[in-house]
């Protein structure tokens, strides 16, 4: 059981990093094509769709509470990685705007909503 929890945690961190790096790379791609102030709005739909794909195809949890924990860990990772690699490394002093706050909200909400969806199918316990 403890080893299983370790694997679940590593899976959570792995996919959280993959989701973050996906958005980070998209940011560099969009930097060449769209104004800097709207890059986040371009990334948001791609990030949300990729997150949903990961949640439905790559993440399986046995309890609804695990999806809440998943969202919390992913938000913490996103905030820390954004701060280190965007705010500090790229010196982006105006990074935190509405699109970023929506991104953080979706990073928490999407795992919870998918968990609720899975719960409603009766696949696991509360």
Protein backbone atom coordinates (compact mmCIF):
# COMPACT_ATOMS: atom_id res chain seq x y z
CA UNK A 1 0.00 0.00 0.00
CA UNK A 2 2.79 2.47 0.88
CA UNK A 3 4.63 1.67 -2.35
CA UNK A 4 1.39 2.27 -4.24
CA UNK A 5 1.07 5.71 -2.61
CA UNK A 6 4.63 6.48 -3.67
CA UNK A 7 3.83 5.53 -7.26
CA UNK A 8 0.67 7.64 -7.19
CA UNK A 9 2.65 10.62 -5.86
CA UNK A 10 5.34 10.21 -8.54
CA UNK A 11 2.63 9.89 -11.21
CA UNK A 12 1.01 13.07 -9.87
CA UNK A 13 4.28 15.02 -9.91
CA UNK A 14 5.25 13.65 -13.33
CA UNK A 15 1.99 14.68 -14.99
CA UNK A 16 1.96 18.00 -13.16
CA UNK A 17 5.40 18.74 -14.59
CA UNK A 18 4.40 17.57 -18.08
CA UNK A 19 1.37 19.86 -18.01
CA UNK A 20 3.46 22.78 -16.78
CA UNK A 21 6.25 22.29 -19.34
CA UNK A 22 3.62 22.00 -22.10
CA UNK A 23 2.33 25.48 -21.25
CA UNK A 24 5.85 26.83 -20.80
CA UNK A 25 6.92 25.64 -24.26
CA UNK A 26 3.69 26.94 -25.80
CA UNK A 27 4.53 30.31 -24.25
CA UNK A 28 7.82 30.42 -26.13
CA UNK A 29 6.13 29.37 -29.36
CA UNK A 30 3.37 31.98 -29.04
CA UNK A 31 5.94 34.64 -28.06
CA UNK A 32 6.99 34.70 -31.72
CA UNK A 33 3.45 35.15 -33.05
CA UNK A 34 1.23 37.06 -30.63
CA UNK A 35 1.60 40.13 -28.42
CA UNK A 36 3.26 39.37 -25.09
CA UNK A 37 0.24 40.59 -23.11
CA UNK A 38 -2.10 37.96 -24.58
CA UNK A 39 0.14 34.86 -24.69
CA UNK A 40 -1.63 33.37 -21.68
CA UNK A 41 -5.02 33.65 -23.37
CA UNK A 42 -3.68 31.66 -26.32
CA UNK A 43 -2.15 28.99 -24.09
CA UNK A 44 -5.24 28.58 -21.89
CA UNK A 45 -7.49 26.55 -24.23
CA UNK A 46 -4.65 24.25 -25.30
CA UNK A 47 -3.61 23.76 -21.68
CA UNK A 48 -7.17 23.03 -20.54
CA UNK A 49 -7.71 20.49 -23.32
CA UNK A 50 -4.38 18.78 -22.66
CA UNK A 51 -5.15 18.70 -18.92
CA UNK A 52 -8.51 17.05 -19.60
CA UNK A 53 -6.84 14.50 -21.87
CA UNK A 54 -4.30 13.68 -19.13
CA UNK A 55 -7.04 13.41 -16.51
CA UNK A 56 -9.22 11.09 -18.55
CA UNK A 57 -6.51 8.99 -20.21
CA UNK A 58 -3.52 8.94 -17.86
CA UNK A 59 -4.80 9.52 -14.33
CA UNK A 60 -6.76 6.91 -12.42
CA UNK A 61 -7.51 7.33 -8.73
CA UNK A 62 -9.57 5.14 -6.44
CA UNK A 63 -11.04 7.89 -4.26
CA UNK A 64 -12.57 11.28 -4.95
CA UNK A 65 -10.28 12.90 -2.37
CA UNK A 66 -7.28 11.87 -4.46
CA UNK A 67 -8.48 14.14 -7.26
CA UNK A 68 -8.64 17.05 -4.82
CA UNK A 69 -5.08 16.29 -3.71
CA UNK A 70 -4.03 16.01 -7.34
CA UNK A 71 -5.38 19.50 -8.07
CA UNK A 72 -3.73 20.98 -4.99
CA UNK A 73 -0.33 19.47 -5.84
CA UNK A 74 -0.61 20.62 -9.46
CA UNK A 75 -1.47 24.18 -8.38
CA UNK A 76 1.46 24.30 -5.96
CA UNK A 77 3.77 23.03 -8.69
CA UNK A 78 2.43 25.56 -11.21
CA UNK A 79 2.81 28.49 -8.82
CA UNK A 80 6.35 27.53 -7.79
CA UNK A 81 7.55 26.66 -11.31
CA UNK A 82 5.98 29.81 -12.77
CA UNK A 83 7.64 31.94 -10.13
CA UNK A 84 11.07 30.37 -10.62
CA UNK A 85 11.11 30.00 -14.40
CA UNK A 86 8.93 32.89 -15.57
CA UNK A 87 8.93 35.60 -12.92
CA UNK A 88 12.53 35.20 -11.72
CA UNK A 89 14.41 33.62 -14.64
CA UNK A 90 12.68 35.58 -17.42
CA UNK A 91 12.22 38.65 -15.19
CA UNK A 92 8.54 38.93 -16.05
CA UNK A 93 7.40 41.62 -13.65
CA UNK A 94 3.85 41.77 -15.05
CA UNK A 95 3.16 38.02 -15.21
CA UNK A 96 0.30 37.78 -12.72
CA UNK A 97 -2.85 38.83 -14.60
CA UNK A 98 -6.35 37.44 -15.04
CA UNK A 99 -5.27 34.71 -17.48
CA UNK A 100 -2.76 33.34 -14.95
CA UNK A 101 -5.32 33.32 -12.14
CA UNK A 102 -7.79 31.49 -14.40
CA UNK A 103 -5.02 29.01 -15.25
CA UNK A 104 -4.39 28.37 -11.54
CA UNK A 105 -8.12 28.00 -10.90
CA UNK A 106 -8.51 25.48 -13.76
CA UNK A 107 -5.44 23.58 -12.59
CA UNK A 108 -7.29 22.98 -9.31
CA UNK A 109 -10.84 22.73 -10.65
CA UNK A 110 -10.37 20.35 -13.58
CA UNK A 111 -9.05 17.42 -11.50
CA UNK A 112 -11.88 17.94 -9.00
CA UNK A 113 -14.50 18.06 -11.78
CA UNK A 114 -13.09 14.94 -13.44
CA UNK A 115 -12.99 13.23 -10.03
CA UNK A 116 -16.63 14.21 -9.47
CA UNK A 117 -17.47 12.83 -12.91
CA UNK A 118 -15.73 9.53 -12.10
CA UNK A 119 -17.46 9.43 -8.69
CA UNK A 120 -20.84 9.91 -10.35
CA UNK A 121 -20.13 6.85 -12.48
CA UNK A 122 -19.77 4.93 -9.21
CA UNK A 123 -16.22 3.79 -9.87
CA UNK A 124 -14.87 4.59 -6.42
CA UNK A 125 -15.75 5.57 -2.90
CA UNK A 126 -15.78 8.93 -1.18
